[in-house]
Amino acid sequence: MRIVIVVMLLAVVYNMGRALIFIFRDQGHERERGVRALTLRVALSFALVVLLVVGNQLGWITPKF
């Protein structure tokens, strides 16, 4: 489970970087790629939060206090 979470976090950071590059490169009206990359980042972040909540409820993730 830890590997899945780390991979999803890396995917979120990667898509943020891609969006930043696309927004700076596409200075005209063609900012479609940047918007798509940011939309994917939001979807991945939402999926990660859902995965963490479900994993916690099912006992896959246990807090270490």
PDB file of N, CA and C in Angstrom:
ATOM      1  N   MET A   1       0.826  -1.194   0.000  1.00  0.00           N
ATOM      2  CA  MET A   1       0.000   0.000   0.000  1.00  0.00           C
ATOM      3  C   MET A   1       0.869   1.256   0.000  1.00  0.00           C
ATOM      4  N   ARG A   2       1.980   1.171   0.691  1.00  0.00           N
ATOM      5  CA  ARG A   2       2.863   2.330   0.786  1.00  0.00           C
ATOM      6  C   ARG A   2       3.420   2.704  -0.590  1.00  0.00           C
ATOM      7  N   ILE A   3       3.718   1.691  -1.389  1.00  0.00           N
ATOM      8  CA  ILE A   3       4.271   1.931  -2.721  1.00  0.00           C
ATOM      9  C   ILE A   3       3.228   2.608  -3.613  1.00  0.00           C
ATOM     10  N   VAL A   4       1.982   2.179  -3.520  1.00  0.00           N
ATOM     11  CA  VAL A   4       0.907   2.773  -4.320  1.00  0.00           C
ATOM     12  C   VAL A   4       0.737   4.243  -3.962  1.00  0.00           C
ATOM     13  N   ILE A   5       0.784   4.557  -2.699  1.00  0.00           N
ATOM     14  CA  ILE A   5       0.632   5.946  -2.250  1.00  0.00           C
ATOM     15  C   ILE A   5       1.782   6.805  -2.744  1.00  0.00           C
ATOM     16  N   VAL A   6       3.002   6.298  -2.649  1.00  0.00           N
ATOM     17  CA  VAL A   6       4.167   7.060  -3.105  1.00  0.00           C
ATOM     18  C   VAL A   6       4.113   7.273  -4.615  1.00  0.00           C
ATOM     19  N   VAL A   7       3.715   6.239  -5.370  1.00  0.00           N
ATOM     20  CA  VAL A   7       3.615   6.367  -6.818  1.00  0.00           C
ATOM     21  C   VAL A   7       2.555   7.401  -7.190  1.00  0.00           C
ATOM     22  N   MET A   8       1.420   7.395  -6.499  1.00  0.00           N
ATOM     23  CA  MET A   8       0.373   8.385  -6.795  1.00  0.00           C
ATOM     24  C   MET A   8       0.840   9.795  -6.452  1.00  0.00           C
ATOM     25  N   LEU A   9       1.556   9.966  -5.347  1.00  0.00           N
ATOM     26  CA  LEU A   9       2.086  11.289  -5.002  1.00  0.00           C
ATOM     27  C   LEU A   9       3.078  11.766  -6.059  1.00  0.00           C
ATOM     28  N   LEU A  10       3.938  10.870  -6.527  1.00  0.00           N
ATOM     29  CA  LEU A  10       4.884  11.235  -7.579  1.00  0.00           C
ATOM     30  C   LEU A  10       4.158  11.595  -8.873  1.00  0.00           C
ATOM     31  N   ALA A  11       3.080  10.893  -9.179  1.00  0.00           N
ATOM     32  CA  ALA A  11       2.295  11.208 -10.376  1.00  0.00           C
ATOM     33  C   ALA A  11       1.655  12.591 -10.260  1.00  0.00           C
ATOM     34  N   VAL A  12       1.197  12.944  -9.075  1.00  0.00           N
ATOM     35  CA  VAL A  12       0.608  14.272  -8.858  1.00  0.00           C
ATOM     36  C   VAL A  12       1.661  15.355  -9.067  1.00  0.00           C
ATOM     37  N   VAL A  13       2.842  15.171  -8.496  1.00  0.00           N
ATOM     38  CA  VAL A  13       3.916  16.159  -8.640  1.00  0.00           C
ATOM     39  C   VAL A  13       4.366  16.250 -10.103  1.00  0.00           C
ATOM     40  N   TYR A  14       4.462  15.105 -10.772  1.00  0.00           N
ATOM     41  CA  TYR A  14       4.847  15.083 -12.182  1.00  0.00           C
ATOM     42  C   TYR A  14       3.850  15.870 -13.034  1.00  0.00           C
ATOM     43  N   ASN A  15       2.565  15.676 -12.800  1.00  0.00           N
ATOM     44  CA  ASN A  15       1.552  16.387 -13.578  1.00  0.00           C
ATOM     45  C   ASN A  15       1.539  17.879 -13.267  1.00  0.00           C
ATOM     46  N   MET A  16       1.868  18.255 -12.046  1.00  0.00           N
ATOM     47  CA  MET A  16       1.983  19.684 -11.738  1.00  0.00           C
ATOM     48  C   MET A  16       3.125  20.304 -12.526  1.00  0.00           C
ATOM     49  N   GLY A  17       4.248  19.601 -12.597  1.00  0.00           N
ATOM     50  CA  GLY A  17       5.382  20.099 -13.370  1.00  0.00           C
ATOM     51  C   GLY A  17       5.070  20.186 -14.848  1.00  0.00           C
ATOM     52  N   ARG A  18       4.400  19.157 -15.380  1.00  0.00           N
ATOM     53  CA  ARG A  18       4.004  19.178 -16.789  1.00  0.00           C
ATOM     54  C   ARG A  18       3.090  20.357 -17.076  1.00  0.00           C
ATOM     55  N   ALA A  19       2.129  20.598 -16.192  1.00  0.00           N
ATOM     56  CA  ALA A  19       1.203  21.713 -16.397  1.00  0.00           C
ATOM     57  C   ALA A  19       1.951  23.040 -16.390  1.00  0.00           C
ATOM     58  N   LEU A  20       2.905  23.188 -15.495  1.00  0.00           N
ATOM     59  CA  LEU A  20       3.684  24.424 -15.431  1.00  0.00           C
ATOM     60  C   LEU A  20       4.461  24.643 -16.728  1.00  0.00           C
ATOM     61  N   ILE A  21       5.078  23.586 -17.218  1.00  0.00           N
ATOM     62  CA  ILE A  21       5.830  23.699 -18.480  1.00  0.00           C
ATOM     63  C   ILE A  21       4.891  24.023 -19.630  1.00  0.00           C
ATOM     64  N   PHE A  22       3.756  23.337 -19.709  1.00  0.00           N
ATOM     65  CA  PHE A  22       2.815  23.578 -20.800  1.00  0.00           C
ATOM     66  C   PHE A  22       2.272  24.998 -20.768  1.00  0.00           C
ATOM     67  N   ILE A  23       1.979  25.513 -19.590  1.00  0.00           N
ATOM     68  CA  ILE A  23       1.418  26.861 -19.484  1.00  0.00           C
ATOM     69  C   ILE A  23       2.447  27.905 -19.929  1.00  0.00           C
ATOM     70  N   PHE A  24       3.721  27.711 -19.565  1.00  0.00           N
ATOM     71  CA  PHE A  24       4.740  28.667 -19.969  1.00  0.00           C
ATOM     72  C   PHE A  24       5.085  28.563 -21.443  1.00  0.00           C
ATOM     73  N   ARG A  25       5.085  27.363 -21.996  1.00  0.00           N
ATOM     74  CA  ARG A  25       5.428  27.193 -23.409  1.00  0.00           C
ATOM     75  C   ARG A  25       4.307  27.642 -24.327  1.00  0.00           C
ATOM     76  N   ASP A  26       3.074  27.328 -23.984  1.00  0.00           N
ATOM     77  CA  ASP A  26       1.927  27.649 -24.838  1.00  0.00           C
ATOM     78  C   ASP A  26       1.384  29.015 -24.452  1.00  0.00           C
ATOM     79  N   GLN A  27       2.023  30.068 -24.919  1.00  0.00           N
ATOM     80  CA  GLN A  27       1.653  31.419 -24.512  1.00  0.00           C
ATOM     81  C   GLN A  27       0.408  31.945 -25.210  1.00  0.00           C
ATOM     82  N   GLY A  28       0.003  31.354 -26.307  1.00  0.00           N
ATOM     83  CA  GLY A  28      -1.154  31.849 -27.051  1.00  0.00           C
ATOM     84  C   GLY A  28      -2.456  31.364 -26.436  1.00  0.00           C
ATOM     85  N   HIS A  29      -3.426  31.161 -27.301  1.00  0.00           N
ATOM     86  CA  HIS A  29      -4.737  30.703 -26.855  1.00  0.00           C
ATOM     87  C   HIS A  29      -4.773  29.193 -26.660  1.00  0.00           C
ATOM     88  N   GLU A  30      -3.692  28.516 -27.013  1.00  0.00           N
ATOM     89  CA  GLU A  30      -3.630  27.061 -26.932  1.00  0.00           C
ATOM     90  C   GLU A  30      -3.095  26.627 -25.565  1.00  0.00           C
ATOM     91  N   ARG A  31      -3.878  26.777 -24.540  1.00  0.00           N
ATOM     92  CA  ARG A  31      -3.465  26.343 -23.202  1.00  0.00           C
ATOM     93  C   ARG A  31      -4.186  25.068 -22.804  1.00  0.00           C
ATOM     94  N   GLU A  32      -4.618  24.335 -23.797  1.00  0.00           N
ATOM     95  CA  GLU A  32      -5.397  23.130 -23.561  1.00  0.00           C
ATOM     96  C   GLU A  32      -4.592  22.054 -22.823  1.00  0.00           C
ATOM     97  N   ARG A  33      -3.314  21.917 -23.203  1.00  0.00           N
ATOM     98  CA  ARG A  33      -2.487  20.878 -22.573  1.00  0.00           C
ATOM     99  C   ARG A  33      -2.273  21.159 -21.095  1.00  0.00           C
ATOM    100  N   GLY A  34      -2.082  22.407 -20.728  1.00  0.00           N
ATOM    101  CA  GLY A  34      -1.903  22.761 -19.327  1.00  0.00           C
ATOM    102  C   GLY A  34      -3.155  22.508 -18.512  1.00  0.00           C
ATOM    103  N   VAL A  35      -4.296  22.839 -19.089  1.00  0.00           N
ATOM    104  CA  VAL A  35      -5.568  22.608 -18.401  1.00  0.00           C
ATOM    105  C   VAL A  35      -5.802  21.115 -18.220  1.00  0.00           C
ATOM    106  N   ARG A  36      -5.484  20.332 -19.253  1.00  0.00           N
ATOM    107  CA  ARG A  36      -5.651  18.876 -19.160  1.00  0.00           C
ATOM    108  C   ARG A  36      -4.740  18.285 -18.083  1.00  0.00           C
ATOM    109  N   ALA A  37      -3.501  18.764 -18.017  1.00  0.00           N
ATOM    110  CA  ALA A  37      -2.559  18.271 -17.009  1.00  0.00           C
ATOM    111  C   ALA A  37      -3.028  18.631 -15.606  1.00  0.00           C
ATOM    112  N   LEU A  38      -3.555  19.835 -15.429  1.00  0.00           N
ATOM    113  CA  LEU A  38      -4.062  20.227 -14.111  1.00  0.00           C
ATOM    114  C   LEU A  38      -5.318  19.447 -13.740  1.00  0.00           C
ATOM    115  N   THR A  39      -6.156  19.156 -14.725  1.00  0.00           N
ATOM    116  CA  THR A  39      -7.354  18.353 -14.470  1.00  0.00           C
ATOM    117  C   THR A  39      -6.968  16.944 -14.035  1.00  0.00           C
ATOM    118  N   LEU A  40      -5.968  16.379 -14.684  1.00  0.00           N
ATOM    119  CA  LEU A  40      -5.489  15.059 -14.303  1.00  0.00           C
ATOM    120  C   LEU A  40      -4.899  15.080 -12.894  1.00  0.00           C
ATOM    121  N   ARG A  41      -4.207  16.161 -12.543  1.00  0.00           N
ATOM    122  CA  ARG A  41      -3.641  16.290 -11.197  1.00  0.00           C
ATOM    123  C   ARG A  41      -4.732  16.309 -10.147  1.00  0.00           C
ATOM    124  N   VAL A  42      -5.802  17.037 -10.414  1.00  0.00           N
ATOM    125  CA  VAL A  42      -6.916  17.095  -9.471  1.00  0.00           C
ATOM    126  C   VAL A  42      -7.570  15.722  -9.332  1.00  0.00           C
ATOM    127  N   ALA A  43      -7.736  15.023 -10.449  1.00  0.00           N
ATOM    128  CA  ALA A  43      -8.335  13.688 -10.404  1.00  0.00           C
ATOM    129  C   ALA A  43      -7.451  12.712  -9.634  1.00  0.00           C
ATOM    130  N   LEU A  44      -6.140  12.780  -9.845  1.00  0.00           N
ATOM    131  CA  LEU A  44      -5.227  11.907  -9.107  1.00  0.00           C
ATOM    132  C   LEU A  44      -5.222  12.232  -7.614  1.00  0.00           C
ATOM    133  N   SER A  45      -5.284  13.510  -7.282  1.00  0.00           N
ATOM    134  CA  SER A  45      -5.329  13.903  -5.870  1.00  0.00           C
ATOM    135  C   SER A  45      -6.608  13.408  -5.206  1.00  0.00           C
ATOM    136  N   PHE A  46      -7.719  13.531  -5.903  1.00  0.00           N
ATOM    137  CA  PHE A  46      -8.995  13.039  -5.371  1.00  0.00           C
ATOM    138  C   PHE A  46      -8.954  11.530  -5.186  1.00  0.00           C
ATOM    139  N   ALA A  47      -8.404  10.812  -6.171  1.00  0.00           N
ATOM    140  CA  ALA A  47      -8.298   9.353  -6.075  1.00  0.00           C
ATOM    141  C   ALA A  47      -7.387   8.950  -4.920  1.00  0.00           C
ATOM    142  N   LEU A  48      -6.329   9.708  -4.684  1.00  0.00           N
ATOM    143  CA  LEU A  48      -5.426   9.416  -3.577  1.00  0.00           C
ATOM    144  C   LEU A  48      -6.127   9.597  -2.230  1.00  0.00           C
ATOM    145  N   VAL A  49      -6.898  10.659  -2.097  1.00  0.00           N
ATOM    146  CA  VAL A  49      -7.637  10.882  -0.848  1.00  0.00           C
ATOM    147  C   VAL A  49      -8.654   9.766  -0.627  1.00  0.00           C
ATOM    148  N   VAL A  50      -9.366   9.377  -1.674  1.00  0.00           N
ATOM    149  CA  VAL A  50     -10.332   8.279  -1.563  1.00  0.00           C
ATOM    150  C   VAL A  50      -9.623   6.987  -1.175  1.00  0.00           C
ATOM    151  N   LEU A  51      -8.479   6.717  -1.787  1.00  0.00           N
ATOM    152  CA  LEU A  51      -7.710   5.521  -1.461  1.00  0.00           C
ATOM    153  C   LEU A  51      -7.267   5.525  -0.005  1.00  0.00           C
ATOM    154  N   LEU A  52      -6.825   6.667   0.486  1.00  0.00           N
ATOM    155  CA  LEU A  52      -6.406   6.755   1.885  1.00  0.00           C
ATOM    156  C   LEU A  52      -7.572   6.548   2.848  1.00  0.00           C
ATOM    157  N   VAL A  53      -8.716   7.118   2.546  1.00  0.00           N
ATOM    158  CA  VAL A  53      -9.885   6.958   3.414  1.00  0.00           C
ATOM    159  C   VAL A  53     -10.366   5.509   3.415  1.00  0.00           C
ATOM    160  N   VAL A  54     -10.475   4.923   2.224  1.00  0.00           N
ATOM    161  CA  VAL A  54     -10.930   3.533   2.120  1.00  0.00           C
ATOM    162  C   VAL A  54      -9.916   2.598   2.764  1.00  0.00           C
ATOM    163  N   GLY A  55      -8.642   2.837   2.521  1.00  0.00           N
ATOM    164  CA  GLY A  55      -7.604   2.015   3.137  1.00  0.00           C
ATOM    165  C   GLY A  55      -7.622   2.090   4.649  1.00  0.00           C
ATOM    166  N   ASN A  56      -7.907   3.249   5.178  1.00  0.00           N
ATOM    167  CA  ASN A  56      -8.008   3.404   6.628  1.00  0.00           C
ATOM    168  C   ASN A  56      -9.233   2.678   7.173  1.00  0.00           C
ATOM    169  N   GLN A  57     -10.350   2.805   6.491  1.00  0.00           N
ATOM    170  CA  GLN A  57     -11.578   2.152   6.951  1.00  0.00           C
ATOM    171  C   GLN A  57     -11.485   0.630   6.882  1.00  0.00           C
ATOM    172  N   LEU A  58     -10.794   0.094   5.886  1.00  0.00           N
ATOM    173  CA  LEU A  58     -10.669  -1.342   5.729  1.00  0.00           C
ATOM    174  C   LEU A  58      -9.520  -1.942   6.532  1.00  0.00           C
ATOM    175  N   GLY A  59      -8.729  -1.095   7.160  1.00  0.00           N
ATOM    176  CA  GLY A  59      -7.625  -1.567   7.996  1.00  0.00           C
ATOM    177  C   GLY A  59      -6.350  -1.811   7.244  1.00  0.00           C
ATOM    178  N   TRP A  60      -6.263  -1.388   5.974  1.00  0.00           N
ATOM    179  CA  TRP A  60      -5.035  -1.550   5.205  1.00  0.00           C
ATOM    180  C   TRP A  60      -3.967  -0.582   5.689  1.00  0.00           C
ATOM    181  N   ILE A  61      -4.401   0.552   6.218  1.00  0.00           N
ATOM    182  CA  ILE A  61      -3.498   1.572   6.725  1.00  0.00           C
ATOM    183  C   ILE A  61      -3.805   1.740   8.204  1.00  0.00           C
ATOM    184  N   THR A  62      -2.791   1.587   9.024  1.00  0.00           N
ATOM    185  CA  THR A  62      -2.979   1.768  10.460  1.00  0.00           C
ATOM    186  C   THR A  62      -2.117   2.914  10.930  1.00  0.00           C
ATOM    187  N   PRO A  63      -2.669   3.807  11.728  1.00  0.00           N
ATOM    188  CA  PRO A  63      -1.870   4.917  12.242  1.00  0.00           C
ATOM    189  C   PRO A  63      -0.850   4.425  13.267  1.00  0.00           C
ATOM    190  N   LYS A  64       0.338   4.982  13.236  1.00  0.00           N
ATOM    191  CA  LYS A  64       1.394   4.619  14.188  1.00  0.00           C
ATOM    192  C   LYS A  64       1.616   5.805  15.112  1.00  0.00           C
ATOM    193  N   PHE A  65       1.054   5.730  16.281  1.00  0.00           N
ATOM    194  CA  PHE A  65       1.199   6.816  17.254  1.00  0.00           C
ATOM    195  C   PHE A  65       2.272   6.499  18.236  1.00  0.00           C
TER     196      PHE A  65
END
